[in-house]
Amino acid sequence: MRTRYVLLLVAGAAALAAVGPGGARGQTAATNRDASRPRPSSGPPTGGVLGILEHGQWQCALPGDAGGAAFVEVPEEAFLISTASSYRSPGGGRGIYLLRGTEVVFTRGPKKDQRFRVRGENTLQKLNPDGTDSKLICTRVGNIG
């Protein structure tokens, strides 16, 4: 008698699964797994999530003009990002930065109080003191090596 109830329960569950959402539409287990996997974000976080920059050498430049070079490198703005949210400047000074969402703030060292906006995985744009975009772009050109 007990086995009959278990069989009825299993048969009822199978019937519900067949007519429930997605059951009768021929979806496979792999399709259901794909739908439940987390999707990658469309870009860097826009909130206040803390992060780190890619380690390596960053060079900075201003746009050039049509009659000359495409960009004008600004060597004194360059920096090297290393571990523990630290950086080094060309003059040998060291400091710390904070990446929060899409904004980088240099909090100690020779670049203290400079702000940048993340424009891509390897691209930063310097911000003016009023928060507007400046023309200076910094690009990661190599790993620490």
N, C-alpha and C. Protein backbone atom coordinates (compact mmCIF):
# COMPACT_ATOMS: atom_id res chain seq x y z
N MET A 1 0.81 -1.19 0.00
CA MET A 1 0.00 0.00 0.00
C MET A 1 0.86 1.26 0.00
N ARG A 2 1.89 1.27 0.82
CA ARG A 2 2.75 2.43 0.92
C ARG A 2 3.49 2.66 -0.40
N THR A 3 3.91 1.60 -1.07
CA THR A 3 4.61 1.71 -2.36
C THR A 3 3.70 2.34 -3.40
N ARG A 4 2.41 2.03 -3.36
CA ARG A 4 1.48 2.59 -4.33
C ARG A 4 1.40 4.11 -4.17
N TYR A 5 1.39 4.61 -2.93
CA TYR A 5 1.34 6.06 -2.70
C TYR A 5 2.61 6.74 -3.17
N VAL A 6 3.74 6.10 -2.96
CA VAL A 6 5.01 6.66 -3.43
C VAL A 6 5.01 6.73 -4.95
N LEU A 7 4.52 5.66 -5.62
CA LEU A 7 4.45 5.67 -7.08
C LEU A 7 3.51 6.74 -7.58
N LEU A 8 2.36 6.91 -6.92
CA LEU A 8 1.43 7.96 -7.30
C LEU A 8 2.04 9.35 -7.10
N LEU A 9 2.77 9.52 -6.01
CA LEU A 9 3.42 10.80 -5.74
C LEU A 9 4.47 11.12 -6.80
N VAL A 10 5.27 10.13 -7.17
CA VAL A 10 6.28 10.32 -8.20
C VAL A 10 5.62 10.60 -9.55
N ALA A 11 4.58 9.87 -9.89
CA ALA A 11 3.87 10.09 -11.16
C ALA A 11 3.24 11.48 -11.19
N GLY A 12 2.67 11.91 -10.08
CA GLY A 12 2.08 13.25 -10.00
C GLY A 12 3.12 14.34 -10.16
N ALA A 13 4.28 14.18 -9.52
CA ALA A 13 5.36 15.16 -9.65
C ALA A 13 5.86 15.24 -11.08
N ALA A 14 5.97 14.09 -11.75
CA ALA A 14 6.41 14.07 -13.14
C ALA A 14 5.40 14.77 -14.03
N ALA A 15 4.13 14.57 -13.77
CA ALA A 15 3.09 15.22 -14.56
C ALA A 15 3.14 16.73 -14.37
N LEU A 16 3.32 17.18 -13.14
CA LEU A 16 3.43 18.62 -12.88
C LEU A 16 4.65 19.22 -13.56
N ALA A 17 5.75 18.50 -13.53
CA ALA A 17 6.96 19.00 -14.19
C ALA A 17 6.77 19.11 -15.69
N ALA A 18 6.00 18.21 -16.27
CA ALA A 18 5.78 18.23 -17.71
C ALA A 18 4.92 19.40 -18.15
N VAL A 19 3.98 19.82 -17.32
CA VAL A 19 3.09 20.91 -17.71
C VAL A 19 3.45 22.22 -17.05
N GLY A 20 4.42 22.21 -16.14
CA GLY A 20 4.83 23.42 -15.45
C GLY A 20 5.65 24.31 -16.38
N PRO A 21 6.09 25.46 -15.89
CA PRO A 21 6.86 26.40 -16.71
C PRO A 21 8.09 25.74 -17.32
N GLY A 22 8.17 25.76 -18.63
CA GLY A 22 9.32 25.23 -19.36
C GLY A 22 9.32 23.73 -19.53
N GLY A 23 8.44 22.99 -18.84
CA GLY A 23 8.46 21.54 -18.89
C GLY A 23 8.03 20.99 -20.23
N ALA A 24 6.97 21.51 -20.83
CA ALA A 24 6.44 20.95 -22.06
C ALA A 24 7.02 21.63 -23.30
N ARG A 25 7.92 22.57 -23.13
CA ARG A 25 8.46 23.30 -24.28
C ARG A 25 9.74 22.71 -24.81
N GLY A 26 10.16 21.59 -24.29
CA GLY A 26 11.34 20.92 -24.84
C GLY A 26 12.65 21.53 -24.39
N GLN A 27 12.68 22.28 -23.30
CA GLN A 27 13.94 22.83 -22.84
C GLN A 27 14.77 21.74 -22.20
N THR A 28 16.05 21.77 -22.47
CA THR A 28 16.94 20.76 -21.91
C THR A 28 17.50 21.26 -20.59
N ALA A 29 18.11 20.35 -19.86
CA ALA A 29 18.73 20.72 -18.58
C ALA A 29 19.83 21.75 -18.80
N ALA A 30 20.58 21.62 -19.91
CA ALA A 30 21.65 22.57 -20.19
C ALA A 30 21.09 23.97 -20.40
N THR A 31 19.98 24.08 -21.10
CA THR A 31 19.36 25.39 -21.33
C THR A 31 18.94 26.00 -20.01
N ASN A 32 18.34 25.21 -19.13
CA ASN A 32 17.92 25.72 -17.84
C ASN A 32 19.12 26.16 -17.00
N ARG A 33 20.23 25.43 -17.08
CA ARG A 33 21.44 25.82 -16.35
C ARG A 33 21.98 27.14 -16.89
N ASP A 34 22.01 27.29 -18.21
CA ASP A 34 22.52 28.53 -18.80
C ASP A 34 21.70 29.73 -18.35
N ALA A 35 20.40 29.57 -18.28
CA ALA A 35 19.53 30.68 -17.89
C ALA A 35 19.76 31.08 -16.44
N SER A 36 20.20 30.15 -15.60
CA SER A 36 20.37 30.46 -14.19
C SER A 36 21.76 30.97 -13.84
N ARG A 37 22.69 30.92 -14.79
CA ARG A 37 24.05 31.39 -14.51
C ARG A 37 24.08 32.90 -14.45
N PRO A 38 24.94 33.48 -13.59
CA PRO A 38 25.04 34.93 -13.53
C PRO A 38 25.61 35.48 -14.83
N ARG A 39 25.12 36.61 -15.24
CA ARG A 39 25.59 37.27 -16.46
C ARG A 39 26.70 38.24 -16.11
N PRO A 40 27.71 38.41 -17.00
CA PRO A 40 28.76 39.38 -16.72
C PRO A 40 28.18 40.79 -16.76
N SER A 41 28.79 41.68 -15.99
CA SER A 41 28.31 43.06 -15.98
C SER A 41 28.72 43.74 -17.28
N SER A 42 28.04 44.81 -17.61
CA SER A 42 28.30 45.51 -18.86
C SER A 42 29.48 46.45 -18.75
N GLY A 43 30.04 46.63 -17.59
CA GLY A 43 31.18 47.51 -17.42
C GLY A 43 31.56 47.59 -15.96
N PRO A 44 32.45 48.52 -15.64
CA PRO A 44 32.84 48.65 -14.25
C PRO A 44 31.67 49.11 -13.40
N PRO A 45 31.70 48.80 -12.12
CA PRO A 45 30.60 49.19 -11.27
C PRO A 45 30.44 50.70 -11.20
N THR A 46 29.21 51.17 -11.13
CA THR A 46 28.97 52.60 -11.08
C THR A 46 28.73 53.09 -9.66
N GLY A 47 28.58 52.17 -8.71
CA GLY A 47 28.35 52.55 -7.33
C GLY A 47 29.65 52.78 -6.60
N GLY A 48 29.63 52.56 -5.32
CA GLY A 48 30.80 52.81 -4.50
C GLY A 48 31.62 51.57 -4.21
N VAL A 49 31.59 50.59 -5.09
CA VAL A 49 32.34 49.35 -4.87
C VAL A 49 33.84 49.63 -4.97
N LEU A 50 34.59 49.14 -3.98
CA LEU A 50 36.04 49.34 -4.01
C LEU A 50 36.69 48.37 -4.99
N GLY A 51 37.77 48.81 -5.62
CA GLY A 51 38.47 47.97 -6.57
C GLY A 51 39.93 48.34 -6.65
N ILE A 52 40.62 47.73 -7.60
CA ILE A 52 42.03 48.05 -7.84
C ILE A 52 42.23 48.26 -9.33
N LEU A 53 43.23 49.05 -9.67
CA LEU A 53 43.61 49.25 -11.07
C LEU A 53 44.50 48.11 -11.53
N GLU A 54 44.56 47.92 -12.84
CA GLU A 54 45.48 46.94 -13.40
C GLU A 54 46.91 47.37 -13.07
N HIS A 55 47.71 46.42 -12.61
CA HIS A 55 49.10 46.72 -12.28
C HIS A 55 49.88 46.98 -13.55
N GLY A 56 50.85 47.85 -13.47
CA GLY A 56 51.72 48.12 -14.60
C GLY A 56 52.00 49.59 -14.79
N GLN A 57 52.70 49.88 -15.87
CA GLN A 57 53.09 51.24 -16.23
C GLN A 57 51.95 51.95 -16.96
N TRP A 58 51.61 53.14 -16.51
CA TRP A 58 50.56 53.97 -17.12
C TRP A 58 51.21 55.22 -17.69
N GLN A 59 50.98 55.48 -18.97
CA GLN A 59 51.47 56.70 -19.62
C GLN A 59 50.30 57.63 -19.86
N CYS A 60 50.56 58.92 -19.78
CA CYS A 60 49.51 59.91 -19.94
C CYS A 60 49.84 60.82 -21.12
N ALA A 61 48.79 61.28 -21.80
CA ALA A 61 48.98 62.11 -22.98
C ALA A 61 47.80 63.05 -23.17
N LEU A 62 48.08 64.13 -23.89
CA LEU A 62 47.05 65.07 -24.32
C LEU A 62 46.81 64.87 -25.81
N PRO A 63 45.64 65.19 -26.30
CA PRO A 63 45.40 65.03 -27.74
C PRO A 63 46.29 65.97 -28.54
N GLY A 64 46.73 65.50 -29.71
CA GLY A 64 47.53 66.32 -30.61
C GLY A 64 46.63 67.11 -31.54
N ASP A 65 47.15 67.40 -32.71
CA ASP A 65 46.33 68.11 -33.70
C ASP A 65 46.51 67.48 -35.07
N ALA A 66 45.68 67.89 -36.01
CA ALA A 66 45.68 67.30 -37.35
C ALA A 66 46.98 67.54 -38.10
N GLY A 67 47.69 68.59 -37.76
CA GLY A 67 48.93 68.93 -38.47
C GLY A 67 50.16 68.29 -37.87
N GLY A 68 50.03 67.58 -36.77
CA GLY A 68 51.20 67.02 -36.11
C GLY A 68 50.92 65.65 -35.53
N ALA A 69 51.46 65.45 -34.35
CA ALA A 69 51.31 64.16 -33.68
C ALA A 69 49.86 63.95 -33.22
N ALA A 70 49.44 62.69 -33.18
CA ALA A 70 48.08 62.36 -32.75
C ALA A 70 47.90 62.62 -31.26
N PHE A 71 48.98 62.50 -30.49
CA PHE A 71 48.92 62.79 -29.06
C PHE A 71 50.27 63.32 -28.61
N VAL A 72 50.26 64.02 -27.48
CA VAL A 72 51.48 64.57 -26.91
C VAL A 72 51.66 63.96 -25.53
N GLU A 73 52.67 63.13 -25.38
CA GLU A 73 52.91 62.47 -24.11
C GLU A 73 53.29 63.50 -23.04
N VAL A 74 52.81 63.28 -21.82
CA VAL A 74 53.11 64.14 -20.67
C VAL A 74 53.81 63.26 -19.63
N PRO A 75 55.14 63.11 -19.75
CA PRO A 75 55.88 62.16 -18.91
C PRO A 75 55.73 62.38 -17.40
N GLU A 76 55.60 63.63 -16.98
CA GLU A 76 55.49 63.90 -15.54
C GLU A 76 54.17 63.44 -14.93
N GLU A 77 53.19 63.11 -15.77
CA GLU A 77 51.90 62.59 -15.29
C GLU A 77 51.89 61.06 -15.21
N ALA A 78 52.91 60.39 -15.75
CA ALA A 78 52.96 58.92 -15.77
C ALA A 78 53.05 58.37 -14.35
N PHE A 79 52.68 57.11 -14.20
CA PHE A 79 52.78 56.45 -12.90
C PHE A 79 52.82 54.95 -13.09
N LEU A 80 53.26 54.25 -12.05
CA LEU A 80 53.34 52.79 -12.05
C LEU A 80 52.44 52.29 -10.93
N ILE A 81 51.44 51.48 -11.28
CA ILE A 81 50.54 50.90 -10.28
C ILE A 81 51.11 49.55 -9.85
N SER A 82 51.23 49.36 -8.54
CA SER A 82 51.71 48.08 -8.02
C SER A 82 50.73 47.56 -6.97
N THR A 83 51.18 46.67 -6.12
CA THR A 83 50.29 45.99 -5.17
C THR A 83 49.81 46.94 -4.07
N ALA A 84 48.78 46.49 -3.38
CA ALA A 84 48.24 47.17 -2.20
C ALA A 84 47.76 48.59 -2.50
N SER A 85 47.17 48.79 -3.69
CA SER A 85 46.64 50.10 -4.10
C SER A 85 47.71 51.19 -4.01
N SER A 86 48.93 50.85 -4.37
CA SER A 86 50.03 51.82 -4.31
C SER A 86 50.49 52.18 -5.71
N TYR A 87 51.18 53.33 -5.79
CA TYR A 87 51.71 53.78 -7.08
C TYR A 87 53.06 54.45 -6.86
N ARG A 88 53.82 54.58 -7.95
CA ARG A 88 55.07 55.34 -7.97
C ARG A 88 55.01 56.32 -9.11
N SER A 89 55.55 57.50 -8.88
CA SER A 89 55.60 58.52 -9.92
C SER A 89 56.99 58.53 -10.55
N PRO A 90 57.16 59.20 -11.71
CA PRO A 90 58.46 59.20 -12.38
C PRO A 90 59.59 59.76 -11.52
N GLY A 91 59.27 60.70 -10.63
CA GLY A 91 60.28 61.30 -9.77
C GLY A 91 60.68 60.42 -8.59
N GLY A 92 60.06 59.25 -8.47
CA GLY A 92 60.40 58.33 -7.40
C GLY A 92 59.46 58.38 -6.21
N GLY A 93 58.56 59.35 -6.20
CA GLY A 93 57.62 59.44 -5.09
C GLY A 93 56.64 58.28 -5.09
N ARG A 94 56.19 57.91 -3.91
CA ARG A 94 55.24 56.81 -3.76
C ARG A 94 53.97 57.33 -3.12
N GLY A 95 52.87 56.63 -3.40
CA GLY A 95 51.61 57.03 -2.81
C GLY A 95 50.58 55.92 -2.86
N ILE A 96 49.37 56.28 -2.46
CA ILE A 96 48.24 55.35 -2.39
C ILE A 96 47.09 55.94 -3.18
N TYR A 97 46.30 55.07 -3.81
CA TYR A 97 45.10 55.52 -4.51
C TYR A 97 43.90 54.73 -4.00
N LEU A 98 42.72 55.23 -4.30
CA LEU A 98 41.48 54.57 -3.96
C LEU A 98 40.62 54.52 -5.22
N LEU A 99 40.22 53.32 -5.62
CA LEU A 99 39.29 53.15 -6.75
C LEU A 99 37.94 52.81 -6.15
N ARG A 100 36.98 53.69 -6.36
CA ARG A 100 35.63 53.48 -5.85
C ARG A 100 34.67 53.66 -7.01
N GLY A 101 34.05 52.56 -7.42
CA GLY A 101 33.17 52.61 -8.59
C GLY A 101 33.99 52.91 -9.83
N THR A 102 33.72 54.04 -10.45
CA THR A 102 34.45 54.43 -11.67
C THR A 102 35.35 55.64 -11.42
N GLU A 103 35.60 55.97 -10.16
CA GLU A 103 36.45 57.13 -9.86
C GLU A 103 37.68 56.71 -9.07
N VAL A 104 38.83 57.20 -9.53
CA VAL A 104 40.11 56.96 -8.86
C VAL A 104 40.51 58.27 -8.19
N VAL A 105 40.89 58.17 -6.92
CA VAL A 105 41.40 59.33 -6.19
C VAL A 105 42.76 58.95 -5.62
N PHE A 106 43.77 59.74 -5.93
CA PHE A 106 45.08 59.54 -5.34
C PHE A 106 45.05 60.20 -3.96
N THR A 107 45.21 59.42 -2.91
CA THR A 107 44.99 59.92 -1.55
C THR A 107 46.27 60.30 -0.82
N ARG A 108 47.41 59.79 -1.28
CA ARG A 108 48.70 60.13 -0.68
C ARG A 108 49.76 60.18 -1.76
N GLY A 109 50.85 60.90 -1.47
CA GLY A 109 51.97 60.95 -2.39
C GLY A 109 51.91 62.13 -3.33
N PRO A 110 52.76 62.11 -4.37
CA PRO A 110 52.90 63.26 -5.27
C PRO A 110 51.63 63.58 -6.09
N LYS A 111 50.75 62.63 -6.30
CA LYS A 111 49.53 62.88 -7.06
C LYS A 111 48.32 63.10 -6.15
N LYS A 112 48.57 63.35 -4.85
CA LYS A 112 47.50 63.51 -3.86
C LYS A 112 46.43 64.48 -4.37
N ASP A 113 45.18 64.06 -4.19
CA ASP A 113 43.97 64.82 -4.55
C ASP A 113 43.68 64.87 -6.05
N GLN A 114 44.50 64.23 -6.88
CA GLN A 114 44.15 64.14 -8.31
C GLN A 114 43.07 63.07 -8.47
N ARG A 115 42.12 63.35 -9.36
CA ARG A 115 41.00 62.43 -9.59
C ARG A 115 40.96 62.03 -11.07
N PHE A 116 40.58 60.77 -11.29
CA PHE A 116 40.46 60.23 -12.64
C PHE A 116 39.16 59.44 -12.73
N ARG A 117 38.63 59.36 -13.93
CA ARG A 117 37.46 58.51 -14.18
C ARG A 117 37.90 57.32 -15.03
N VAL A 118 37.46 56.13 -14.66
CA VAL A 118 37.78 54.92 -15.42
C VAL A 118 36.98 54.95 -16.71
N ARG A 119 37.69 54.88 -17.84
CA ARG A 119 37.04 54.88 -19.16
C ARG A 119 37.11 53.51 -19.83
N GLY A 120 37.85 52.61 -19.26
CA GLY A 120 38.01 51.25 -19.78
C GLY A 120 38.98 50.51 -18.88
N GLU A 121 39.19 49.25 -19.17
CA GLU A 121 40.06 48.43 -18.32
C GLU A 121 41.47 49.00 -18.22
N ASN A 122 41.94 49.64 -19.29
CA ASN A 122 43.30 50.18 -19.33
C ASN A 122 43.33 51.67 -19.63
N THR A 123 42.25 52.39 -19.36
CA THR A 123 42.18 53.81 -19.70
C THR A 123 41.55 54.62 -18.57
N LEU A 124 42.21 55.72 -18.23
CA LEU A 124 41.70 56.66 -17.23
C LEU A 124 41.67 58.05 -17.86
N GLN A 125 40.71 58.88 -17.46
CA GLN A 125 40.66 60.27 -17.89
C GLN A 125 40.73 61.15 -16.66
N LYS A 126 41.68 62.08 -16.66
CA LYS A 126 41.86 62.96 -15.51
C LYS A 126 40.67 63.91 -15.41
N LEU A 127 40.28 64.21 -14.18
CA LEU A 127 39.19 65.15 -13.92
C LEU A 127 39.76 66.48 -13.47
N ASN A 128 39.13 67.56 -13.89
CA ASN A 128 39.48 68.89 -13.42
C ASN A 128 39.03 69.02 -11.96
N PRO A 129 39.54 70.01 -11.24
CA PRO A 129 39.12 70.19 -9.83
C PRO A 129 37.60 70.32 -9.65
N ASP A 130 36.90 70.84 -10.67
CA ASP A 130 35.44 70.98 -10.57
C ASP A 130 34.69 69.71 -10.95
N GLY A 131 35.42 68.63 -11.27
CA GLY A 131 34.81 67.35 -11.59
C GLY A 131 34.52 67.12 -13.06
N THR A 132 34.76 68.10 -13.90
CA THR A 132 34.57 67.92 -15.35
C THR A 132 35.77 67.19 -15.94
N ASP A 133 35.57 66.58 -17.09
CA ASP A 133 36.65 65.84 -17.75
C ASP A 133 37.72 66.79 -18.27
N SER A 134 38.99 66.46 -18.01
CA SER A 134 40.08 67.19 -18.64
C SER A 134 40.42 66.47 -19.95
N LYS A 135 41.39 66.96 -20.66
CA LYS A 135 41.79 66.32 -21.91
C LYS A 135 42.85 65.24 -21.72
N LEU A 136 43.42 65.15 -20.52
CA LEU A 136 44.49 64.20 -20.26
C LEU A 136 43.93 62.79 -20.13
N ILE A 137 44.49 61.87 -20.92
CA ILE A 137 44.10 60.45 -20.89
C ILE A 137 45.34 59.64 -20.49
N CYS A 138 45.16 58.69 -19.57
CA CYS A 138 46.25 57.81 -19.16
C CYS A 138 45.89 56.38 -19.56
N THR A 139 46.87 55.70 -20.14
CA THR A 139 46.66 54.34 -20.66
C THR A 139 47.71 53.41 -20.10
N ARG A 140 47.28 52.22 -19.68
CA ARG A 140 48.23 51.21 -19.21
C ARG A 140 48.94 50.64 -20.42
N VAL A 141 50.28 50.71 -20.40
CA VAL A 141 51.07 50.28 -21.55
C VAL A 141 51.90 49.04 -21.29
N GLY A 142 51.93 48.57 -20.06
CA GLY A 142 52.71 47.37 -19.78
C GLY A 142 52.53 46.90 -18.37
N ASN A 143 52.84 45.63 -18.17
CA ASN A 143 52.77 45.03 -16.84
C ASN A 143 54.03 45.33 -16.07
N ILE A 144 53.97 45.10 -14.76
CA ILE A 144 55.16 45.21 -13.93
C ILE A 144 56.03 44.02 -14.31
N GLY A 145 57.26 44.27 -14.57
CA GLY A 145 57.97 43.14 -15.04
C GLY A 145 59.33 42.92 -14.72
